[in-house]
């Protein structure tokens, strides 16, 4: 992965909390982290069923994201955490 660079990297995960993006598959988490470390923009897409879902492993803290695309507005505490982390949130 170290030989690659991306202008934008985007993916999804199993959950998102104030502590970060979470998922259940450690191998997938490793790949997501590796690619996002090599991207200028780091974007996660998720639906509202994943809000405040804490799973096995933290993929990355909110401060490592640049963008979040969701289907509904984030709950208040999660929205505050995303704003504090400097994340651009788009409701699509």
PDB file of N, CA and C in Angstrom:
ATOM      1  N   UNK A   1       0.810  -1.194   0.000  1.00  0.00           N
ATOM      2  CA  UNK A   1       0.000   0.000   0.000  1.00  0.00           C
ATOM      3  C   UNK A   1       0.862   1.269   0.000  1.00  0.00           C
ATOM      4  N   UNK A   2       2.060   1.190   0.519  1.00  0.00           N
ATOM      5  CA  UNK A   2       2.906   2.374   0.649  1.00  0.00           C
ATOM      6  C   UNK A   2       3.244   3.001  -0.699  1.00  0.00           C
ATOM      7  N   UNK A   3       3.125   2.266  -1.780  1.00  0.00           N
ATOM      8  CA  UNK A   3       3.482   2.828  -3.087  1.00  0.00           C
ATOM      9  C   UNK A   3       2.325   3.576  -3.747  1.00  0.00           C
ATOM     10  N   UNK A   4       1.149   3.557  -3.139  1.00  0.00           N
ATOM     11  CA  UNK A   4      -0.022   4.205  -3.721  1.00  0.00           C
ATOM     12  C   UNK A   4      -0.299   5.564  -3.096  1.00  0.00           C
ATOM     13  N   UNK A   5      -0.954   6.430  -3.868  1.00  0.00           N
ATOM     14  CA  UNK A   5      -1.432   7.723  -3.406  1.00  0.00           C
ATOM     15  C   UNK A   5      -2.824   7.928  -3.975  1.00  0.00           C
ATOM     16  N   UNK A   6      -3.693   8.568  -3.203  1.00  0.00           N
ATOM     17  CA  UNK A   6      -5.042   8.866  -3.682  1.00  0.00           C
ATOM     18  C   UNK A   6      -5.372  10.318  -3.383  1.00  0.00           C
ATOM     19  N   UNK A   7      -6.020  10.976  -4.334  1.00  0.00           N
ATOM     20  CA  UNK A   7      -6.526  12.319  -4.062  1.00  0.00           C
ATOM     21  C   UNK A   7      -7.689  12.222  -3.079  1.00  0.00           C
ATOM     22  N   UNK A   8      -8.572  11.238  -3.327  1.00  0.00           N
ATOM     23  CA  UNK A   8      -9.731  11.013  -2.464  1.00  0.00           C
ATOM     24  C   UNK A   8      -9.856   9.517  -2.223  1.00  0.00           C
ATOM     25  N   UNK A   9     -10.012   9.147  -0.968  1.00  0.00           N
ATOM     26  CA  UNK A   9     -10.305   7.753  -0.614  1.00  0.00           C
ATOM     27  C   UNK A   9     -11.661   7.741   0.068  1.00  0.00           C
ATOM     28  N   UNK A  10     -12.530   6.819  -0.354  1.00  0.00           N
ATOM     29  CA  UNK A  10     -13.832   6.733   0.302  1.00  0.00           C
ATOM     30  C   UNK A  10     -14.229   5.286   0.476  1.00  0.00           C
ATOM     31  N   UNK A  11     -14.915   5.051   1.579  1.00  0.00           N
ATOM     32  CA  UNK A  11     -15.384   3.714   1.915  1.00  0.00           C
ATOM     33  C   UNK A  11     -16.492   3.839   2.950  1.00  0.00           C
ATOM     34  N   UNK A  12     -16.914   2.730   3.484  1.00  0.00           N
ATOM     35  CA  UNK A  12     -17.920   2.714   4.536  1.00  0.00           C
ATOM     36  C   UNK A  12     -17.401   1.862   5.679  1.00  0.00           C
ATOM     37  N   UNK A  13     -18.169   1.780   6.730  1.00  0.00           N
ATOM     38  CA  UNK A  13     -17.797   0.963   7.882  1.00  0.00           C
ATOM     39  C   UNK A  13     -19.072   0.571   8.618  1.00  0.00           C
ATOM     40  N   UNK A  14     -18.919  -0.243   9.631  1.00  0.00           N
ATOM     41  CA  UNK A  14     -20.077  -0.760  10.358  1.00  0.00           C
ATOM     42  C   UNK A  14     -20.700   0.198  11.342  1.00  0.00           C
ATOM     43  N   UNK A  15     -19.932   1.211  11.789  1.00  0.00           N
ATOM     44  CA  UNK A  15     -20.480   2.125  12.772  1.00  0.00           C
ATOM     45  C   UNK A  15     -19.652   3.376  12.923  1.00  0.00           C
ATOM     46  N   UNK A  16     -20.247   4.348  13.597  1.00  0.00           N
ATOM     47  CA  UNK A  16     -19.539   5.586  13.903  1.00  0.00           C
ATOM     48  C   UNK A  16     -20.025   6.087  15.254  1.00  0.00           C
ATOM     49  N   UNK A  17     -19.067   6.473  16.095  1.00  0.00           N
ATOM     50  CA  UNK A  17     -19.360   7.030  17.409  1.00  0.00           C
ATOM     51  C   UNK A  17     -18.512   8.286  17.589  1.00  0.00           C
ATOM     52  N   UNK A  18     -18.658   8.930  18.717  1.00  0.00           N
ATOM     53  CA  UNK A  18     -17.830  10.095  19.021  1.00  0.00           C
ATOM     54  C   UNK A  18     -16.350   9.708  19.099  1.00  0.00           C
ATOM     55  N   UNK A  19     -16.074   8.410  19.332  1.00  0.00           N
ATOM     56  CA  UNK A  19     -14.703   7.919  19.400  1.00  0.00           C
ATOM     57  C   UNK A  19     -14.097   7.591  18.053  1.00  0.00           C
ATOM     58  N   UNK A  20     -14.912   7.553  17.010  1.00  0.00           N
ATOM     59  CA  UNK A  20     -14.397   7.273  15.676  1.00  0.00           C
ATOM     60  C   UNK A  20     -15.251   6.308  14.887  1.00  0.00           C
ATOM     61  N   UNK A  21     -14.708   5.910  13.755  1.00  0.00           N
ATOM     62  CA  UNK A  21     -15.354   4.962  12.852  1.00  0.00           C
ATOM     63  C   UNK A  21     -14.977   3.552  13.307  1.00  0.00           C
ATOM     64  N   UNK A  22     -15.942   2.641  13.369  1.00  0.00           N
ATOM     65  CA  UNK A  22     -15.684   1.285  13.853  1.00  0.00           C
ATOM     66  C   UNK A  22     -16.128   0.237  12.843  1.00  0.00           C
ATOM     67  N   UNK A  23     -15.530  -0.951  12.953  1.00  0.00           N
ATOM     68  CA  UNK A  23     -15.909  -2.066  12.080  1.00  0.00           C
ATOM     69  C   UNK A  23     -15.550  -3.382  12.762  1.00  0.00           C
ATOM     70  N   UNK A  24     -15.932  -4.496  12.150  1.00  0.00           N
ATOM     71  CA  UNK A  24     -15.738  -5.810  12.774  1.00  0.00           C
ATOM     72  C   UNK A  24     -14.596  -6.624  12.180  1.00  0.00           C
ATOM     73  N   UNK A  25     -14.147  -6.294  10.992  1.00  0.00           N
ATOM     74  CA  UNK A  25     -13.135  -7.092  10.298  1.00  0.00           C
ATOM     75  C   UNK A  25     -11.778  -6.404  10.383  1.00  0.00           C
ATOM     76  N   UNK A  26     -10.864  -6.951  11.176  1.00  0.00           N
ATOM     77  CA  UNK A  26      -9.547  -6.326  11.371  1.00  0.00           C
ATOM     78  C   UNK A  26      -8.770  -6.173  10.076  1.00  0.00           C
ATOM     79  N   UNK A  27      -8.870  -7.137   9.168  1.00  0.00           N
ATOM     80  CA  UNK A  27      -8.169  -7.025   7.885  1.00  0.00           C
ATOM     81  C   UNK A  27      -8.705  -5.856   7.064  1.00  0.00           C
ATOM     82  N   UNK A  28     -10.025  -5.710   7.045  1.00  0.00           N
ATOM     83  CA  UNK A  28     -10.621  -4.586   6.318  1.00  0.00           C
ATOM     84  C   UNK A  28     -10.244  -3.264   6.974  1.00  0.00           C
ATOM     85  N   UNK A  29     -10.215  -3.231   8.298  1.00  0.00           N
ATOM     86  CA  UNK A  29      -9.818  -2.013   9.018  1.00  0.00           C
ATOM     87  C   UNK A  29      -8.396  -1.610   8.649  1.00  0.00           C
ATOM     88  N   UNK A  30      -7.511  -2.581   8.583  1.00  0.00           N
ATOM     89  CA  UNK A  30      -6.114  -2.311   8.239  1.00  0.00           C
ATOM     90  C   UNK A  30      -6.012  -1.711   6.844  1.00  0.00           C
ATOM     91  N   UNK A  31      -6.742  -2.282   5.894  1.00  0.00           N
ATOM     92  CA  UNK A  31      -6.713  -1.782   4.517  1.00  0.00           C
ATOM     93  C   UNK A  31      -7.261  -0.361   4.457  1.00  0.00           C
ATOM     94  N   UNK A  32      -8.373  -0.114   5.135  1.00  0.00           N
ATOM     95  CA  UNK A  32      -8.955   1.233   5.136  1.00  0.00           C
ATOM     96  C   UNK A  32      -7.984   2.241   5.739  1.00  0.00           C
ATOM     97  N   UNK A  33      -7.394   1.908   6.875  1.00  0.00           N
ATOM     98  CA  UNK A  33      -6.428   2.815   7.507  1.00  0.00           C
ATOM     99  C   UNK A  33      -5.237   3.075   6.593  1.00  0.00           C
ATOM    100  N   UNK A  34      -4.714   2.023   5.989  1.00  0.00           N
ATOM    101  CA  UNK A  34      -3.543   2.157   5.121  1.00  0.00           C
ATOM    102  C   UNK A  34      -3.820   3.071   3.935  1.00  0.00           C
ATOM    103  N   UNK A  35      -4.953   2.878   3.286  1.00  0.00           N
ATOM    104  CA  UNK A  35      -5.276   3.707   2.125  1.00  0.00           C
ATOM    105  C   UNK A  35      -5.586   5.142   2.541  1.00  0.00           C
ATOM    106  N   UNK A  36      -6.290   5.305   3.651  1.00  0.00           N
ATOM    107  CA  UNK A  36      -6.639   6.647   4.095  1.00  0.00           C
ATOM    108  C   UNK A  36      -5.406   7.436   4.517  1.00  0.00           C
ATOM    109  N   UNK A  37      -4.377   6.769   5.002  1.00  0.00           N
ATOM    110  CA  UNK A  37      -3.134   7.451   5.373  1.00  0.00           C
ATOM    111  C   UNK A  37      -2.455   8.040   4.142  1.00  0.00           C
ATOM    112  N   UNK A  38      -2.791   7.547   2.961  1.00  0.00           N
ATOM    113  CA  UNK A  38      -2.153   7.979   1.728  1.00  0.00           C
ATOM    114  C   UNK A  38      -3.076   8.838   0.861  1.00  0.00           C
ATOM    115  N   UNK A  39      -4.138   9.353   1.467  1.00  0.00           N
ATOM    116  CA  UNK A  39      -5.108  10.147   0.717  1.00  0.00           C
ATOM    117  C   UNK A  39      -5.195  11.570   1.273  1.00  0.00           C
ATOM    118  N   UNK A  40      -5.408  12.508   0.373  1.00  0.00           N
ATOM    119  CA  UNK A  40      -5.570  13.899   0.785  1.00  0.00           C
ATOM    120  C   UNK A  40      -6.934  14.133   1.419  1.00  0.00           C
ATOM    121  N   UNK A  41      -7.976  13.569   0.808  1.00  0.00           N
ATOM    122  CA  UNK A  41      -9.331  13.624   1.383  1.00  0.00           C
ATOM    123  C   UNK A  41      -9.708  12.221   1.806  1.00  0.00           C
ATOM    124  N   UNK A  42     -10.289  12.107   3.006  1.00  0.00           N
ATOM    125  CA  UNK A  42     -10.665  10.812   3.579  1.00  0.00           C
ATOM    126  C   UNK A  42     -12.148  10.852   3.917  1.00  0.00           C
ATOM    127  N   UNK A  43     -12.946  10.130   3.149  1.00  0.00           N
ATOM    128  CA  UNK A  43     -14.394  10.235   3.206  1.00  0.00           C
ATOM    129  C   UNK A  43     -15.037   8.897   3.557  1.00  0.00           C
ATOM    130  N   UNK A  44     -15.890   8.912   4.568  1.00  0.00           N
ATOM    131  CA  UNK A  44     -16.694   7.743   4.900  1.00  0.00           C
ATOM    132  C   UNK A  44     -18.136   8.030   4.536  1.00  0.00           C
ATOM    133  N   UNK A  45     -18.826   7.002   4.027  1.00  0.00           N
ATOM    134  CA  UNK A  45     -20.246   7.082   3.701  1.00  0.00           C
ATOM    135  C   UNK A  45     -20.971   6.078   4.590  1.00  0.00           C
ATOM    136  N   UNK A  46     -22.052   6.509   5.234  1.00  0.00           N
ATOM    137  CA  UNK A  46     -22.816   5.568   6.045  1.00  0.00           C
ATOM    138  C   UNK A  46     -24.251   6.027   6.221  1.00  0.00           C
ATOM    139  N   UNK A  47     -25.121   5.041   6.442  1.00  0.00           N
ATOM    140  CA  UNK A  47     -26.520   5.365   6.680  1.00  0.00           C
ATOM    141  C   UNK A  47     -26.755   5.506   8.180  1.00  0.00           C
ATOM    142  N   UNK A  48     -27.919   6.036   8.523  1.00  0.00           N
ATOM    143  CA  UNK A  48     -28.219   6.367   9.911  1.00  0.00           C
ATOM    144  C   UNK A  48     -28.276   5.165  10.845  1.00  0.00           C
ATOM    145  N   UNK A  49     -28.436   3.964  10.329  1.00  0.00           N
ATOM    146  CA  UNK A  49     -28.440   2.758  11.176  1.00  0.00           C
ATOM    147  C   UNK A  49     -27.065   2.531  11.816  1.00  0.00           C
ATOM    148  N   UNK A  50     -26.036   3.196  11.307  1.00  0.00           N
ATOM    149  CA  UNK A  50     -24.677   3.018  11.818  1.00  0.00           C
ATOM    150  C   UNK A  50     -24.279   4.099  12.827  1.00  0.00           C
ATOM    151  N   UNK A  51     -25.146   5.083  13.031  1.00  0.00           N
ATOM    152  CA  UNK A  51     -24.866   6.147  13.991  1.00  0.00           C
ATOM    153  C   UNK A  51     -24.829   5.566  15.401  1.00  0.00           C
ATOM    154  N   UNK A  52     -23.827   5.935  16.162  1.00  0.00           N
ATOM    155  CA  UNK A  52     -23.647   5.502  17.554  1.00  0.00           C
ATOM    156  C   UNK A  52     -23.526   3.989  17.697  1.00  0.00           C
ATOM    157  N   UNK A  53     -22.984   3.339  16.672  1.00  0.00           N
ATOM    158  CA  UNK A  53     -22.715   1.896  16.713  1.00  0.00           C
ATOM    159  C   UNK A  53     -21.222   1.698  16.949  1.00  0.00           C
ATOM    160  N   UNK A  54     -20.898   1.054  18.068  1.00  0.00           N
ATOM    161  CA  UNK A  54     -19.505   0.780  18.434  1.00  0.00           C
ATOM    162  C   UNK A  54     -19.258  -0.705  18.186  1.00  0.00           C
ATOM    163  N   UNK A  55     -18.324  -1.004  17.290  1.00  0.00           N
ATOM    164  CA  UNK A  55     -18.017  -2.389  16.954  1.00  0.00           C
ATOM    165  C   UNK A  55     -16.616  -2.753  17.447  1.00  0.00           C
ATOM    166  N   UNK A  56     -16.131  -3.903  17.067  1.00  0.00           N
ATOM    167  CA  UNK A  56     -14.898  -4.492  17.576  1.00  0.00           C
ATOM    168  C   UNK A  56     -13.679  -3.578  17.524  1.00  0.00           C
ATOM    169  N   UNK A  57     -13.472  -2.917  16.393  1.00  0.00           N
ATOM    170  CA  UNK A  57     -12.214  -2.195  16.200  1.00  0.00           C
ATOM    171  C   UNK A  57     -12.468  -0.777  15.695  1.00  0.00           C
ATOM    172  N   UNK A  58     -11.684   0.167  16.199  1.00  0.00           N
ATOM    173  CA  UNK A  58     -11.750   1.529  15.680  1.00  0.00           C
ATOM    174  C   UNK A  58     -10.922   1.581  14.397  1.00  0.00           C
ATOM    175  N   UNK A  59     -11.579   1.923  13.313  1.00  0.00           N
ATOM    176  CA  UNK A  59     -10.882   2.079  12.035  1.00  0.00           C
ATOM    177  C   UNK A  59      -9.999   3.317  12.116  1.00  0.00           C
ATOM    178  N   UNK A  60     -10.574   4.417  12.584  1.00  0.00           N
ATOM    179  CA  UNK A  60      -9.819   5.651  12.774  1.00  0.00           C
ATOM    180  C   UNK A  60     -10.642   6.613  13.605  1.00  0.00           C
ATOM    181  N   UNK A  61      -9.956   7.508  14.312  1.00  0.00           N
ATOM    182  CA  UNK A  61     -10.677   8.532  15.068  1.00  0.00           C
ATOM    183  C   UNK A  61     -11.281   9.563  14.123  1.00  0.00           C
ATOM    184  N   UNK A  62     -12.261  10.288  14.600  1.00  0.00           N
ATOM    185  CA  UNK A  62     -12.908  11.297  13.766  1.00  0.00           C
ATOM    186  C   UNK A  62     -11.913  12.335  13.246  1.00  0.00           C
ATOM    187  N   UNK A  63     -10.903  12.633  14.027  1.00  0.00           N
ATOM    188  CA  UNK A  63      -9.931  13.652  13.621  1.00  0.00           C
ATOM    189  C   UNK A  63      -9.135  13.262  12.376  1.00  0.00           C
ATOM    190  N   UNK A  64      -9.178  11.987  11.991  1.00  0.00           N
ATOM    191  CA  UNK A  64      -8.478  11.542  10.780  1.00  0.00           C
ATOM    192  C   UNK A  64      -9.341  11.655   9.525  1.00  0.00           C
ATOM    193  N   UNK A  65     -10.623  11.987   9.671  1.00  0.00           N
ATOM    194  CA  UNK A  65     -11.523  12.114   8.523  1.00  0.00           C
ATOM    195  C   UNK A  65     -11.546  13.545   8.011  1.00  0.00           C
ATOM    196  N   UNK A  66     -11.861  13.705   6.737  1.00  0.00           N
ATOM    197  CA  UNK A  66     -12.094  15.044   6.197  1.00  0.00           C
ATOM    198  C   UNK A  66     -13.562  15.230   5.850  1.00  0.00           C
ATOM    199  N   UNK A  67     -14.233  14.157   5.440  1.00  0.00           N
ATOM    200  CA  UNK A  67     -15.616  14.246   4.981  1.00  0.00           C
ATOM    201  C   UNK A  67     -16.429  13.044   5.458  1.00  0.00           C
ATOM    202  N   UNK A  68     -17.717  13.290   5.631  1.00  0.00           N
ATOM    203  CA  UNK A  68     -18.658  12.240   5.999  1.00  0.00           C
ATOM    204  C   UNK A  68     -19.933  12.458   5.194  1.00  0.00           C
ATOM    205  N   UNK A  69     -20.389  11.422   4.483  1.00  0.00           N
ATOM    206  CA  UNK A  69     -21.630  11.498   3.717  1.00  0.00           C
ATOM    207  C   UNK A  69     -22.626  10.551   4.380  1.00  0.00           C
ATOM    208  N   UNK A  70     -23.775  11.115   4.768  1.00  0.00           N
ATOM    209  CA  UNK A  70     -24.791  10.357   5.500  1.00  0.00           C
ATOM    210  C   UNK A  70     -26.155  10.573   4.859  1.00  0.00           C
ATOM    211  N   UNK A  71     -27.113   9.709   5.213  1.00  0.00           N
ATOM    212  CA  UNK A  71     -28.451   9.828   4.642  1.00  0.00           C
ATOM    213  C   UNK A  71     -29.395  10.672   5.497  1.00  0.00           C
ATOM    214  N   UNK A  72     -29.043  10.899   6.758  1.00  0.00           N
ATOM    215  CA  UNK A  72     -29.833  11.728   7.665  1.00  0.00           C
ATOM    216  C   UNK A  72     -28.866  12.519   8.543  1.00  0.00           C
ATOM    217  N   UNK A  73     -29.315  13.632   9.102  1.00  0.00           N
ATOM    218  CA  UNK A  73     -28.424  14.402   9.976  1.00  0.00           C
ATOM    219  C   UNK A  73     -27.921  13.559  11.155  1.00  0.00           C
ATOM    220  N   UNK A  74     -26.697  13.829  11.564  1.00  0.00           N
ATOM    221  CA  UNK A  74     -26.113  13.131  12.704  1.00  0.00           C
ATOM    222  C   UNK A  74     -26.834  13.524  13.993  1.00  0.00           C
ATOM    223  N   UNK A  75     -26.925  12.590  14.953  1.00  0.00           N
ATOM    224  CA  UNK A  75     -27.458  12.964  16.269  1.00  0.00           C
ATOM    225  C   UNK A  75     -26.597  14.073  16.874  1.00  0.00           C
ATOM    226  N   UNK A  76     -27.173  14.864  17.774  1.00  0.00           N
ATOM    227  CA  UNK A  76     -26.539  16.076  18.294  1.00  0.00           C
ATOM    228  C   UNK A  76     -25.105  15.873  18.791  1.00  0.00           C
ATOM    229  N   UNK A  77     -24.865  14.913  19.674  1.00  0.00           N
ATOM    230  CA  UNK A  77     -23.515  14.728  20.227  1.00  0.00           C
ATOM    231  C   UNK A  77     -22.522  14.293  19.156  1.00  0.00           C
ATOM    232  N   UNK A  78     -22.966  13.434  18.246  1.00  0.00           N
ATOM    233  CA  UNK A  78     -22.093  12.987  17.164  1.00  0.00           C
ATOM    234  C   UNK A  78     -21.811  14.139  16.196  1.00  0.00           C
ATOM    235  N   UNK A  79     -22.817  14.954  15.938  1.00  0.00           N
ATOM    236  CA  UNK A  79     -22.637  16.125  15.070  1.00  0.00           C
ATOM    237  C   UNK A  79     -21.640  17.104  15.688  1.00  0.00           C
ATOM    238  N   UNK A  80     -21.729  17.313  16.997  1.00  0.00           N
ATOM    239  CA  UNK A  80     -20.797  18.203  17.687  1.00  0.00           C
ATOM    240  C   UNK A  80     -19.372  17.663  17.604  1.00  0.00           C
ATOM    241  N   UNK A  81     -19.217  16.344  17.792  1.00  0.00           N
ATOM    242  CA  UNK A  81     -17.891  15.719  17.721  1.00  0.00           C
ATOM    243  C   UNK A  81     -17.315  15.833  16.311  1.00  0.00           C
ATOM    244  N   UNK A  82     -18.150  15.619  15.298  1.00  0.00           N
ATOM    245  CA  UNK A  82     -17.698  15.723  13.907  1.00  0.00           C
ATOM    246  C   UNK A  82     -17.283  17.158  13.589  1.00  0.00           C
ATOM    247  N   UNK A  83     -18.062  18.122  14.045  1.00  0.00           N
ATOM    248  CA  UNK A  83     -17.733  19.531  13.808  1.00  0.00           C
ATOM    249  C   UNK A  83     -16.424  19.900  14.499  1.00  0.00           C
ATOM    250  N   UNK A  84     -16.263  19.447  15.733  1.00  0.00           N
ATOM    251  CA  UNK A  84     -15.021  19.727  16.478  1.00  0.00           C
ATOM    252  C   UNK A  84     -13.812  19.118  15.807  1.00  0.00           C
ATOM    253  N   UNK A  85     -14.006  17.980  15.103  1.00  0.00           N
ATOM    254  CA  UNK A  85     -12.908  17.303  14.407  1.00  0.00           C
ATOM    255  C   UNK A  85     -12.628  17.939  13.034  1.00  0.00           C
ATOM    256  N   UNK A  86     -13.453  18.904  12.641  1.00  0.00           N
ATOM    257  CA  UNK A  86     -13.229  19.578  11.362  1.00  0.00           C
ATOM    258  C   UNK A  86     -13.761  18.823  10.164  1.00  0.00           C
ATOM    259  N   UNK A  87     -14.693  17.907  10.405  1.00  0.00           N
ATOM    260  CA  UNK A  87     -15.246  17.078   9.326  1.00  0.00           C
ATOM    261  C   UNK A  87     -16.344  17.848   8.584  1.00  0.00           C
ATOM    262  N   UNK A  88     -16.314  17.802   7.263  1.00  0.00           N
ATOM    263  CA  UNK A  88     -17.392  18.320   6.444  1.00  0.00           C
ATOM    264  C   UNK A  88     -18.430  17.206   6.333  1.00  0.00           C
ATOM    265  N   UNK A  89     -19.634  17.475   6.822  1.00  0.00           N
ATOM    266  CA  UNK A  89     -20.697  16.464   6.778  1.00  0.00           C
ATOM    267  C   UNK A  89     -21.720  16.866   5.721  1.00  0.00           C
ATOM    268  N   UNK A  90     -22.032  15.916   4.837  1.00  0.00           N
ATOM    269  CA  UNK A  90     -23.018  16.140   3.772  1.00  0.00           C
ATOM    270  C   UNK A  90     -24.141  15.140   3.952  1.00  0.00           C
ATOM    271  N   UNK A  91     -25.380  15.634   3.998  1.00  0.00           N
ATOM    272  CA  UNK A  91     -26.551  14.764   4.046  1.00  0.00           C
ATOM    273  C   UNK A  91     -27.032  14.614   2.614  1.00  0.00           C
ATOM    274  N   UNK A  92     -26.962  13.393   2.111  1.00  0.00           N
ATOM    275  CA  UNK A  92     -27.345  13.138   0.715  1.00  0.00           C
ATOM    276  C   UNK A  92     -28.650  12.371   0.635  1.00  0.00           C
TER     277      UNK A  92
END
